[in-house]
Protein backbone atom coordinates (compact mmCIF):
# COMPACT_ATOMS: atom_id res chain seq x y z
CA MET A 1 -6.27 -13.58 -23.30
CA SER A 2 -6.80 -13.58 -19.53
CA ALA A 3 -9.14 -11.08 -17.90
CA ALA A 4 -6.16 -9.31 -16.31
CA ASN A 5 -4.30 -9.03 -19.61
CA ALA A 6 -7.46 -7.79 -21.33
CA ALA A 7 -7.88 -5.06 -18.69
CA ILE A 8 -4.23 -4.03 -19.01
CA ALA A 9 -4.54 -3.87 -22.80
CA ARG A 10 -7.64 -1.67 -22.42
CA TRP A 11 -5.90 0.71 -20.03
CA ARG A 12 -2.80 0.84 -22.20
CA GLU A 13 -4.89 1.74 -25.23
CA ALA A 14 -7.32 4.14 -23.58
CA LEU A 15 -5.55 6.12 -20.85
CA PRO A 16 -3.93 9.47 -21.69
CA GLU A 17 -0.21 9.25 -22.34
CA ASP A 18 0.12 12.29 -20.06
CA LEU A 19 -0.21 9.84 -17.16
CA PHE A 20 2.31 7.24 -18.26
CA ASP A 21 5.45 8.77 -16.74
CA LEU A 22 3.86 10.06 -13.53
CA PRO A 23 4.45 8.20 -10.23
CA VAL A 24 0.84 8.57 -9.10
CA PHE A 25 -0.60 5.07 -9.44
CA LEU A 26 -2.25 2.87 -6.84
CA LEU A 27 -4.16 -0.40 -6.87
CA TRP A 28 -7.54 -0.90 -5.26
CA LEU A 29 -9.63 -3.62 -3.65
CA ARG A 30 -13.41 -3.84 -3.49
CA ARG A 31 -14.85 -4.31 0.00
CA PRO A 32 -18.57 -4.48 1.01
CA LYS A 33 -19.80 -1.47 2.94
CA PRO A 34 -20.94 -2.47 6.44
CA GLY A 35 -24.72 -2.38 6.72
CA LYS A 36 -25.18 -1.41 3.04
CA PRO A 37 -25.97 -4.53 0.98
CA GLY A 38 -24.80 -4.21 -2.62
CA LYS A 39 -22.60 -1.19 -1.84
CA PHE A 40 -18.82 -1.35 -1.95
CA ASP A 41 -15.81 0.71 -0.94
CA LYS A 42 -12.83 0.83 -3.28
CA LEU A 43 -9.87 0.79 -0.92
CA PRO A 44 -6.59 2.17 -2.32
CA HIS A 45 -3.51 0.02 -1.83
CA TYR A 46 0.17 0.40 -2.58
CA ALA A 47 1.79 -2.22 -4.80
CA ASN A 48 3.52 -3.64 -1.70
CA GLY A 49 0.10 -4.80 -0.46
CA ARG A 50 -0.42 -2.19 2.24
CA GLN A 51 -3.58 -0.10 2.29
CA ARG A 52 -2.87 3.57 1.63
CA HIS A 53 -2.60 5.36 4.94
CA GLY A 54 -1.35 8.51 6.61
CA VAL A 55 -1.27 11.93 5.00
CA ASN A 56 -1.90 12.06 1.24
CA GLY A 57 1.15 13.50 -0.47
CA SER A 58 3.53 13.00 2.46
CA ALA A 59 7.05 11.76 1.76
CA GLU A 60 6.05 8.28 2.97
CA ASP A 61 2.98 8.26 0.75
CA ARG A 62 4.81 9.46 -2.37
CA ALA A 63 7.58 6.90 -1.90
CA GLN A 64 5.00 4.14 -2.40
CA LEU A 65 3.18 5.57 -5.42
CA ILE A 66 4.26 3.98 -8.70
CA GLU A 67 4.26 4.52 -12.46
CA ILE A 68 1.74 2.85 -14.71
CA GLY A 69 3.98 -0.02 -15.84
CA ASP A 70 4.53 -1.08 -12.24
CA ALA A 71 0.79 -0.79 -11.62
CA PHE A 72 0.13 -3.13 -14.55
CA ALA A 73 2.67 -5.61 -13.20
CA ALA A 74 1.08 -5.58 -9.74
CA TYR A 75 -2.43 -5.91 -11.16
CA ALA A 76 -1.35 -8.87 -13.33
CA LEU A 77 -0.64 -10.86 -10.16
CA GLY A 78 -4.39 -11.12 -9.61
CA ARG A 79 -4.51 -9.64 -6.12
CA TYR A 80 -6.38 -6.41 -6.90
CA ASP A 81 -9.64 -5.31 -8.48
CA GLY A 82 -8.23 -2.39 -10.46
CA ILE A 83 -5.86 0.55 -10.71
CA GLY A 84 -6.27 4.22 -9.92
CA VAL A 85 -4.40 7.50 -9.57
CA ALA A 86 -3.60 9.63 -6.54
CA LEU A 87 -4.41 13.33 -6.70
CA LEU A 88 -1.62 15.54 -5.36
CA PRO A 89 -1.25 19.31 -5.00
CA ASP A 90 1.76 19.56 -7.33
CA VAL A 91 0.59 17.19 -10.08
CA GLY A 92 -0.98 19.02 -13.01
CA PHE A 93 -4.35 17.32 -13.35
CA TRP A 94 -7.61 16.89 -11.48
CA ALA A 95 -10.53 14.48 -11.71
CA LEU A 96 -14.27 14.89 -11.91
CA ASP A 97 -16.65 12.12 -10.84
CA LEU A 98 -20.30 12.22 -11.93
CA ASP A 99 -22.62 9.57 -10.46
CA ASN A 100 -25.73 8.13 -12.15
CA CYS A 101 -25.45 10.44 -15.14
CA ILE A 102 -25.95 7.82 -17.89
CA ASN A 103 -29.49 6.56 -18.29
CA ASP A 104 -30.56 4.38 -21.23
CA GLY A 105 -27.36 5.41 -22.98
CA LYS A 106 -28.11 9.13 -22.61
CA PHE A 107 -25.93 11.59 -20.69
CA SER A 108 -27.24 14.11 -18.19
CA PRO A 109 -26.83 17.75 -19.30
CA LEU A 110 -23.73 18.22 -17.14
CA ALA A 111 -22.18 14.94 -18.28
CA ARG A 112 -22.81 15.91 -21.91
CA ARG A 113 -21.00 19.23 -21.37
CA VAL A 114 -18.07 17.41 -19.81
CA VAL A 115 -17.81 14.83 -22.60
CA ASP A 116 -18.03 17.59 -25.21
CA THR A 117 -14.89 19.28 -23.83
CA GLY A 118 -12.81 16.63 -25.58
CA THR A 119 -10.79 15.79 -22.46
CA TYR A 120 -10.34 12.15 -21.42
CA THR A 121 -13.62 10.68 -20.16
CA GLU A 122 -14.56 7.13 -19.21
CA ARG A 123 -17.40 5.18 -17.68
CA SER A 124 -17.13 4.50 -13.97
CA PRO A 125 -17.00 0.93 -12.58
CA SER A 126 -20.80 0.95 -12.21
CA GLY A 127 -21.24 1.83 -15.89
CA SER A 128 -23.73 4.57 -15.00
CA GLY A 129 -21.25 7.30 -14.07
CA VAL A 130 -18.64 9.39 -15.86
CA ARG A 131 -15.05 10.04 -14.82
CA ALA A 132 -13.13 12.89 -16.45
CA LEU A 133 -9.49 13.91 -16.14
CA PHE A 134 -8.65 17.57 -16.77
CA ALA A 135 -5.31 19.34 -17.09
CA GLY A 136 -4.64 22.04 -14.51
CA LYS A 137 -6.27 22.36 -11.10
CA ALA A 138 -9.91 22.73 -10.04
CA GLY A 139 -9.05 24.40 -6.75
CA ALA A 140 -11.35 22.26 -4.58
CA ASP A 141 -11.76 18.75 -3.23
CA ALA A 142 -15.48 18.59 -2.60
CA LYS A 143 -18.63 16.55 -3.14
CA ASN A 144 -22.33 17.21 -3.50
CA HIS A 145 -23.94 13.87 -2.61
CA GLY A 146 -27.39 14.91 -3.74
CA ALA A 147 -26.18 15.98 -7.17
CA GLY A 148 -23.68 13.12 -7.47
CA VAL A 149 -20.81 15.47 -8.39
CA GLU A 150 -17.32 15.25 -6.86
CA THR A 151 -14.02 16.98 -7.62
CA PHE A 152 -10.62 15.50 -6.77
CA ASP A 153 -7.93 18.16 -6.89
CA SER A 154 -5.14 17.65 -4.36
CA ARG A 155 -6.04 14.59 -2.28
CA GLY A 156 -7.79 11.24 -2.48
CA PHE A 157 -7.68 8.86 -5.43
CA VAL A 158 -9.88 7.84 -8.34
CA THR A 159 -10.27 4.48 -10.01
CA LEU A 160 -9.64 4.14 -13.73
CA THR A 161 -11.60 1.67 -15.84
CA GLY A 162 -10.22 2.46 -19.31
CA ASP A 163 -13.81 2.21 -20.59
CA ARG A 164 -13.24 5.35 -22.60
CA ILE A 165 -16.09 7.55 -23.76
CA GLY A 166 -13.96 10.13 -25.53
CA GLY A 167 -10.74 12.13 -25.52
CA ASP A 168 -7.22 10.77 -25.61
CA SER A 169 -5.47 13.42 -23.50
CA MET A 170 -6.13 15.68 -20.53
CA LEU A 171 -7.32 19.15 -21.57
CA PRO A 172 -8.06 22.21 -19.41
CA CYS A 173 -11.66 22.64 -18.30
CA ALA A 174 -13.45 25.63 -19.82
CA PRO A 175 -13.79 28.39 -17.19
CA ASN A 176 -17.59 28.58 -17.40
CA LEU A 177 -17.94 24.80 -17.02
CA LEU A 178 -15.48 24.74 -14.12
CA ALA A 179 -17.42 27.54 -12.41
CA ASP A 180 -20.65 25.56 -12.73
CA ILE A 181 -19.01 22.39 -11.39
CA LEU A 182 -17.54 24.20 -8.38
CA ALA A 183 -20.84 25.95 -7.66
CA THR A 184 -22.55 22.54 -7.67
CA VAL A 185 -20.14 20.81 -5.30
CA ARG A 186 -20.00 23.76 -2.93
CA ALA A 187 -23.78 24.01 -2.86
CA GLY A 188 -23.80 20.51 -1.40
CA GLN A 189 -21.85 21.76 1.61
CA ARG A 190 -24.16 24.64 2.46
CA THR A 191 -27.77 25.41 3.25
CA HIS A 192 -29.84 27.64 0.96
CA SER A 193 -28.97 30.58 3.21
CA GLY A 194 -25.25 29.91 2.77
CA ALA A 195 -24.54 28.54 6.25
CA ARG A 196 -22.81 25.20 6.59
CA VAL A 197 -25.04 22.21 7.31
CA GLN A 198 -23.77 20.74 10.58
CA ALA A 199 -25.60 18.66 13.13
CA PRO A 200 -24.43 19.39 16.69
CA ALA A 201 -21.97 17.00 18.26
CA PRO A 202 -23.78 14.38 20.37
CA PRO A 203 -23.21 14.32 24.14
CA ALA A 204 -20.11 12.54 25.42
CA ASN A 205 -20.62 8.79 25.90
CA GLN A 206 -17.43 6.96 26.83
CA ARG A 207 -19.22 3.60 26.74
CA LEU A 208 -19.32 3.94 22.96
CA ALA A 209 -15.51 4.10 22.84
CA ARG A 210 -15.26 0.97 24.99
CA SER A 211 -17.48 -0.90 22.53
CA VAL A 212 -15.12 -0.25 19.61
CA ARG A 213 -13.04 -3.13 18.24
CA LEU A 214 -9.95 -2.15 16.26
CA PRO A 215 -6.70 -3.93 15.38
CA LEU A 216 -3.93 -3.49 17.93
CA SER A 217 -1.84 -1.65 15.34
CA MET A 218 -4.60 0.95 14.99
CA TRP A 219 -4.88 1.44 18.77
CA ARG A 220 -1.12 1.93 18.94
CA ARG A 221 -1.30 4.56 16.22
CA LEU A 222 -4.06 6.36 18.10
CA MET A 223 -1.81 6.59 21.17
CA ASN A 224 0.77 8.60 19.19
CA PRO A 225 -0.99 9.77 16.03
CA TYR A 226 0.95 12.88 14.99
CA PRO A 227 4.50 12.54 13.65
CA SER A 228 6.74 15.54 14.15
CA GLY A 229 6.16 18.25 11.54
CA CYS A 230 2.96 16.74 10.11
CA ASP A 231 -0.24 18.63 9.25
CA ARG A 232 -2.16 17.52 12.33
CA SER A 233 -5.55 18.58 11.00
CA ALA A 234 -5.01 16.49 7.86
CA VAL A 235 -3.91 13.50 9.95
CA ALA A 236 -6.98 13.84 12.17
CA PHE A 237 -9.19 13.80 9.10
CA SER A 238 -7.29 10.73 7.83
CA ILE A 239 -7.95 8.95 11.14
CA ALA A 240 -11.66 9.73 10.85
CA ILE A 241 -11.68 8.29 7.32
CA GLN A 242 -10.05 5.07 8.57
CA LEU A 243 -12.54 4.73 11.41
CA ALA A 244 -15.42 5.18 8.98
CA ARG A 245 -14.01 2.51 6.66
CA ARG A 246 -13.64 0.09 9.57
CA GLY A 247 -17.38 0.21 10.15
CA LEU A 248 -17.62 2.47 13.21
CA THR A 249 -20.61 4.73 13.62
CA ARG A 250 -20.08 8.48 13.59
CA GLU A 251 -20.75 8.59 17.34
CA GLN A 252 -18.16 5.86 18.04
CA ALA A 253 -15.60 7.67 15.90
CA LEU A 254 -16.21 10.89 17.81
CA GLU A 255 -15.60 9.17 21.15
CA VAL A 256 -12.41 7.49 19.91
CA MET A 257 -11.13 10.79 18.53
CA SER A 258 -12.02 12.65 21.71
CA ALA A 259 -9.17 10.91 23.55
CA ALA A 260 -6.58 13.54 24.48
CA GLU A 261 -3.86 12.11 22.21
CA VAL A 262 -6.07 12.24 19.09
CA ALA A 263 -7.90 15.42 20.03
CA ALA A 264 -4.68 17.43 20.42
CA PRO A 265 -5.20 19.59 17.29
CA ALA A 266 -8.75 20.39 18.32
CA LEU A 267 -7.78 21.13 21.92
CA ASP A 268 -5.04 23.48 20.75
CA ARG A 269 -7.45 25.26 18.38
CA ARG A 270 -10.01 25.62 21.18
CA ARG A 271 -7.51 26.55 23.92
CA GLY A 272 -8.16 23.39 25.90
CA ASP A 273 -11.95 23.67 25.88
CA VAL A 274 -13.00 20.00 25.71
CA ALA A 275 -16.59 20.59 24.61
CA SER A 276 -15.51 22.99 21.89
CA ALA A 277 -12.79 20.56 20.78
CA ARG A 278 -15.37 17.77 20.45
CA ASP A 279 -17.47 20.06 18.31
CA TRP A 280 -14.47 20.79 16.07
CA ILE A 281 -13.72 17.07 15.67
CA TRP A 282 -17.37 16.37 14.85
CA ARG A 283 -17.75 19.20 12.31
CA TYR A 284 -14.39 19.12 10.57
CA CYS A 285 -13.28 15.50 10.86
CA VAL A 286 -16.08 13.03 11.56
CA LEU A 287 -18.96 14.40 9.45
CA PRO A 288 -16.90 15.10 6.29
CA ALA A 289 -14.96 11.83 6.67
CA PHE A 290 -18.12 9.75 6.90
CA SER A 291 -19.60 11.62 3.93
CA GLU A 292 -16.47 10.86 1.87
CA ALA A 293 -16.45 7.18 2.89
CA CYS A 294 -20.11 6.67 1.90
């Protein structure tokens, strides 16, 4: 049996049947992280070969998500490193990602609680983390880097290995466990006093923008980034994510996004105040995007 067929057989056997009829599947490719030897991004792709782009859950995005059988067929062609699922607001499940929680075969206390719920759990691609799929909604898309805990509720995607630890279906998360998970991820976004951790936006430096190298298609998109009727804040965040994944620094991304066409949502929020708009882009687009892309 080929490696691809073995992986498909594992997924078919392990994954919850709750997923099988849902058009939520993507493929993914592994790409080295710039400047981080041994670290990789897992870039989501549609089965047509295009990298996932734009606003998660938009009509364009949903039209390119596929069911599991089509994902298997695309993976069998040998062009991708794995499959995964998109998280959408109106799909009745969410995902929990726990990093570095398996040591010498033993689970961390939180990982043990998650596994003991009986919901579907699997080892992450690294083998040292746990992925869990729960029925219902968590109510937050958030990550605590220090604790290695991340919730995927209504956006983003998660890879699926089929390396099942336990559970054969998606069950609701117990309220007390969910409360502890949410408290953990939200703690990672705040200081001990409860204020958000935000470094100030660096001074304007247009030379940084001139040093950026991007594909022509990306520059064209930046000239007219907001389709009519879109959630412009969500699109701005998506642009920041793409800039992070293309290897820009945070400061370069800020300068690119400070151009009037891209900064439109921030300028509108700040009544045309350029300095305040830069601060909004830095705090609500660049910093969280670069944290998510790490």
